Protein backbone atom coordinates (compact mmCIF):
# COMPACT_ATOMS: atom_id res chain seq x y z
CA UNK A 1 0.00 0.00 0.00
CA UNK A 2 1.29 3.44 -0.94
CA UNK A 3 1.19 6.01 1.86
CA UNK A 4 0.66 9.64 0.91
CA UNK A 5 1.00 12.46 3.43
CA UNK A 6 -0.31 15.99 2.80
CA UNK A 7 0.82 18.66 5.26
CA UNK A 8 -1.35 21.78 5.20
CA UNK A 9 -0.14 25.00 6.79
CA UNK A 10 -3.33 26.87 5.83
CA UNK A 11 -6.80 25.78 4.76
CA UNK A 12 -6.66 23.81 1.51
CA UNK A 13 -7.59 25.46 -1.76
CA UNK A 14 -10.23 23.76 -3.91
CA UNK A 15 -7.55 22.33 -6.23
CA UNK A 16 -5.68 20.76 -3.32
CA UNK A 17 -8.90 19.39 -1.83
CA UNK A 18 -9.83 17.81 -5.19
CA UNK A 19 -6.36 16.30 -5.55
CA UNK A 20 -6.58 14.76 -2.08
CA UNK A 21 -10.10 13.47 -2.76
CA UNK A 22 -8.92 11.91 -6.04
CA UNK A 23 -5.99 10.23 -4.30
CA UNK A 24 -8.29 8.83 -1.62
CA UNK A 25 -10.24 7.03 -4.35
CA UNK A 26 -7.13 5.27 -5.66
CA UNK A 27 -6.91 1.59 -4.78
CA UNK A 28 -4.09 0.55 -2.47
CA UNK A 29 -3.41 4.11 -1.32
CA UNK A 30 -3.53 5.42 2.22
CA UNK A 31 -3.89 9.20 2.32
CA UNK A 32 -3.21 11.13 5.52
CA UNK A 33 -3.78 14.88 5.83
CA UNK A 34 -2.21 16.90 8.64
CA UNK A 35 -3.71 20.39 8.95
CA UNK A 36 -1.11 22.14 11.07
CA UNK A 37 -3.13 25.36 11.05
CA UNK A 38 -6.01 23.55 12.79
CA UNK A 39 -3.85 22.05 15.56
CA UNK A 40 -3.40 24.17 18.68
CA UNK A 41 0.03 22.68 19.33
CA UNK A 42 1.26 20.46 16.48
CA UNK A 43 2.97 17.27 17.60
CA UNK A 44 6.12 17.56 15.52
CA UNK A 45 7.51 14.23 16.77
CA UNK A 46 4.40 12.48 15.43
CA UNK A 47 4.58 14.49 12.21
CA UNK A 48 8.21 13.48 11.72
CA UNK A 49 7.29 9.83 12.19
CA UNK A 50 4.51 10.24 9.61
CA UNK A 51 6.94 11.86 7.16
CA UNK A 52 9.37 8.95 7.38
CA UNK A 53 6.55 6.37 7.18
CA UNK A 54 5.11 7.98 4.03
CA UNK A 55 6.08 7.07 0.48
CA UNK A 56 5.24 10.59 -0.68
CA UNK A 57 4.96 13.90 1.21
CA UNK A 58 3.41 17.12 -0.10
CA UNK A 59 3.54 20.34 1.90
CA UNK A 60 0.92 22.90 0.95
CA UNK A 61 1.03 26.55 1.86
CA UNK A 62 -0.44 29.70 0.44
CA UNK A 63 1.70 32.78 0.17
CA UNK A 64 0.11 36.13 1.01
CA UNK A 65 -0.85 36.37 -2.67
CA UNK A 66 -0.64 33.97 -5.57
CA UNK A 67 -1.38 30.31 -6.18
CA UNK A 68 -0.90 27.54 -3.63
CA UNK A 69 2.58 26.12 -3.64
CA UNK A 70 4.25 22.88 -2.78
CA UNK A 71 7.89 23.60 -1.95
CA UNK A 72 9.01 20.35 -3.56
CA UNK A 73 7.56 21.44 -6.91
CA UNK A 74 9.63 24.28 -8.37
CA UNK A 75 7.34 24.42 -11.43
CA UNK A 76 4.40 25.62 -9.34
CA UNK A 77 5.14 29.25 -10.16
CA UNK A 78 4.65 28.42 -13.85
CA UNK A 79 1.02 27.34 -13.83
CA UNK A 80 1.01 24.10 -11.85
CA UNK A 81 2.22 21.70 -14.58
CA UNK A 82 2.43 18.99 -11.92
CA UNK A 83 -1.35 19.01 -11.37
CA UNK A 84 -3.52 16.66 -13.44
CA UNK A 85 -5.17 18.49 -16.33
CA UNK A 86 -8.57 18.34 -14.64
CA UNK A 87 -7.27 20.37 -11.71
CA UNK A 88 -5.47 23.14 -13.60
CA UNK A 89 -7.11 26.54 -13.69
C-alpha atoms as a PDB file:
ATOM      1  CA  UNK A   1       0.000   0.000   0.000  1.00  0.00           C
ATOM      2  CA  UNK A   2       1.287   3.443  -0.941  1.00  0.00           C
ATOM      3  CA  UNK A   3       1.195   6.007   1.863  1.00  0.00           C
ATOM      4  CA  UNK A   4       0.665   9.636   0.907  1.00  0.00           C
ATOM      5  CA  UNK A   5       1.002  12.462   3.426  1.00  0.00           C
ATOM      6  CA  UNK A   6      -0.307  15.988   2.797  1.00  0.00           C
ATOM      7  CA  UNK A   7       0.824  18.661   5.262  1.00  0.00           C
ATOM      8  CA  UNK A   8      -1.346  21.779   5.199  1.00  0.00           C
ATOM      9  CA  UNK A   9      -0.142  24.996   6.787  1.00  0.00           C
ATOM     10  CA  UNK A  10      -3.327  26.873   5.826  1.00  0.00           C
ATOM     11  CA  UNK A  11      -6.801  25.777   4.761  1.00  0.00           C
ATOM     12  CA  UNK A  12      -6.665  23.806   1.513  1.00  0.00           C
ATOM     13  CA  UNK A  13      -7.592  25.459  -1.756  1.00  0.00           C
ATOM     14  CA  UNK A  14     -10.235  23.757  -3.913  1.00  0.00           C
ATOM     15  CA  UNK A  15      -7.546  22.335  -6.227  1.00  0.00           C
ATOM     16  CA  UNK A  16      -5.684  20.764  -3.321  1.00  0.00           C
ATOM     17  CA  UNK A  17      -8.904  19.393  -1.833  1.00  0.00           C
ATOM     18  CA  UNK A  18      -9.829  17.808  -5.186  1.00  0.00           C
ATOM     19  CA  UNK A  19      -6.364  16.300  -5.554  1.00  0.00           C
ATOM     20  CA  UNK A  20      -6.581  14.764  -2.076  1.00  0.00           C
ATOM     21  CA  UNK A  21     -10.102  13.467  -2.760  1.00  0.00           C
ATOM     22  CA  UNK A  22      -8.921  11.913  -6.043  1.00  0.00           C
ATOM     23  CA  UNK A  23      -5.991  10.235  -4.295  1.00  0.00           C
ATOM     24  CA  UNK A  24      -8.292   8.834  -1.616  1.00  0.00           C
ATOM     25  CA  UNK A  25     -10.239   7.029  -4.351  1.00  0.00           C
ATOM     26  CA  UNK A  26      -7.129   5.273  -5.661  1.00  0.00           C
ATOM     27  CA  UNK A  27      -6.912   1.595  -4.781  1.00  0.00           C
ATOM     28  CA  UNK A  28      -4.086   0.548  -2.474  1.00  0.00           C
ATOM     29  CA  UNK A  29      -3.412   4.114  -1.325  1.00  0.00           C
ATOM     30  CA  UNK A  30      -3.527   5.417   2.218  1.00  0.00           C
ATOM     31  CA  UNK A  31      -3.893   9.201   2.321  1.00  0.00           C
ATOM     32  CA  UNK A  32      -3.211  11.127   5.515  1.00  0.00           C
ATOM     33  CA  UNK A  33      -3.777  14.880   5.831  1.00  0.00           C
ATOM     34  CA  UNK A  34      -2.211  16.899   8.639  1.00  0.00           C
ATOM     35  CA  UNK A  35      -3.707  20.386   8.950  1.00  0.00           C
ATOM     36  CA  UNK A  36      -1.106  22.137  11.069  1.00  0.00           C
ATOM     37  CA  UNK A  37      -3.131  25.363  11.053  1.00  0.00           C
ATOM     38  CA  UNK A  38      -6.005  23.546  12.794  1.00  0.00           C
ATOM     39  CA  UNK A  39      -3.850  22.049  15.556  1.00  0.00           C
ATOM     40  CA  UNK A  40      -3.403  24.171  18.679  1.00  0.00           C
ATOM     41  CA  UNK A  41       0.035  22.675  19.327  1.00  0.00           C
ATOM     42  CA  UNK A  42       1.257  20.457  16.485  1.00  0.00           C
ATOM     43  CA  UNK A  43       2.974  17.268  17.602  1.00  0.00           C
ATOM     44  CA  UNK A  44       6.123  17.555  15.518  1.00  0.00           C
ATOM     45  CA  UNK A  45       7.506  14.234  16.765  1.00  0.00           C
ATOM     46  CA  UNK A  46       4.398  12.476  15.429  1.00  0.00           C
ATOM     47  CA  UNK A  47       4.583  14.493  12.206  1.00  0.00           C
ATOM     48  CA  UNK A  48       8.214  13.480  11.724  1.00  0.00           C
ATOM     49  CA  UNK A  49       7.290   9.826  12.187  1.00  0.00           C
ATOM     50  CA  UNK A  50       4.509  10.235   9.607  1.00  0.00           C
ATOM     51  CA  UNK A  51       6.938  11.862   7.162  1.00  0.00           C
ATOM     52  CA  UNK A  52       9.367   8.950   7.384  1.00  0.00           C
ATOM     53  CA  UNK A  53       6.545   6.373   7.184  1.00  0.00           C
ATOM     54  CA  UNK A  54       5.108   7.977   4.026  1.00  0.00           C
ATOM     55  CA  UNK A  55       6.076   7.070   0.480  1.00  0.00           C
ATOM     56  CA  UNK A  56       5.237  10.594  -0.678  1.00  0.00           C
ATOM     57  CA  UNK A  57       4.957  13.903   1.212  1.00  0.00           C
ATOM     58  CA  UNK A  58       3.410  17.118  -0.099  1.00  0.00           C
ATOM     59  CA  UNK A  59       3.543  20.343   1.899  1.00  0.00           C
ATOM     60  CA  UNK A  60       0.918  22.898   0.951  1.00  0.00           C
ATOM     61  CA  UNK A  61       1.031  26.554   1.862  1.00  0.00           C
ATOM     62  CA  UNK A  62      -0.440  29.699   0.435  1.00  0.00           C
ATOM     63  CA  UNK A  63       1.698  32.778   0.174  1.00  0.00           C
ATOM     64  CA  UNK A  64       0.115  36.129   1.013  1.00  0.00           C
ATOM     65  CA  UNK A  65      -0.849  36.368  -2.670  1.00  0.00           C
ATOM     66  CA  UNK A  66      -0.642  33.972  -5.572  1.00  0.00           C
ATOM     67  CA  UNK A  67      -1.384  30.312  -6.176  1.00  0.00           C
ATOM     68  CA  UNK A  68      -0.903  27.538  -3.629  1.00  0.00           C
ATOM     69  CA  UNK A  69       2.576  26.123  -3.639  1.00  0.00           C
ATOM     70  CA  UNK A  70       4.246  22.882  -2.780  1.00  0.00           C
ATOM     71  CA  UNK A  71       7.889  23.598  -1.946  1.00  0.00           C
ATOM     72  CA  UNK A  72       9.008  20.352  -3.558  1.00  0.00           C
ATOM     73  CA  UNK A  73       7.558  21.440  -6.914  1.00  0.00           C
ATOM     74  CA  UNK A  74       9.629  24.285  -8.368  1.00  0.00           C
ATOM     75  CA  UNK A  75       7.344  24.420 -11.427  1.00  0.00           C
ATOM     76  CA  UNK A  76       4.396  25.618  -9.337  1.00  0.00           C
ATOM     77  CA  UNK A  77       5.136  29.248 -10.163  1.00  0.00           C
ATOM     78  CA  UNK A  78       4.649  28.424 -13.846  1.00  0.00           C
ATOM     79  CA  UNK A  79       1.024  27.341 -13.835  1.00  0.00           C
ATOM     80  CA  UNK A  80       1.006  24.095 -11.846  1.00  0.00           C
ATOM     81  CA  UNK A  81       2.223  21.698 -14.578  1.00  0.00           C
ATOM     82  CA  UNK A  82       2.432  18.986 -11.919  1.00  0.00           C
ATOM     83  CA  UNK A  83      -1.350  19.009 -11.375  1.00  0.00           C
ATOM     84  CA  UNK A  84      -3.516  16.656 -13.439  1.00  0.00           C
ATOM     85  CA  UNK A  85      -5.166  18.494 -16.329  1.00  0.00           C
ATOM     86  CA  UNK A  86      -8.566  18.336 -14.644  1.00  0.00           C
ATOM     87  CA  UNK A  87      -7.268  20.370 -11.711  1.00  0.00           C
ATOM     88  CA  UNK A  88      -5.474  23.142 -13.599  1.00  0.00           C
ATOM     89  CA  UNK A  89      -7.114  26.538 -13.688  1.00  0.00           C
END
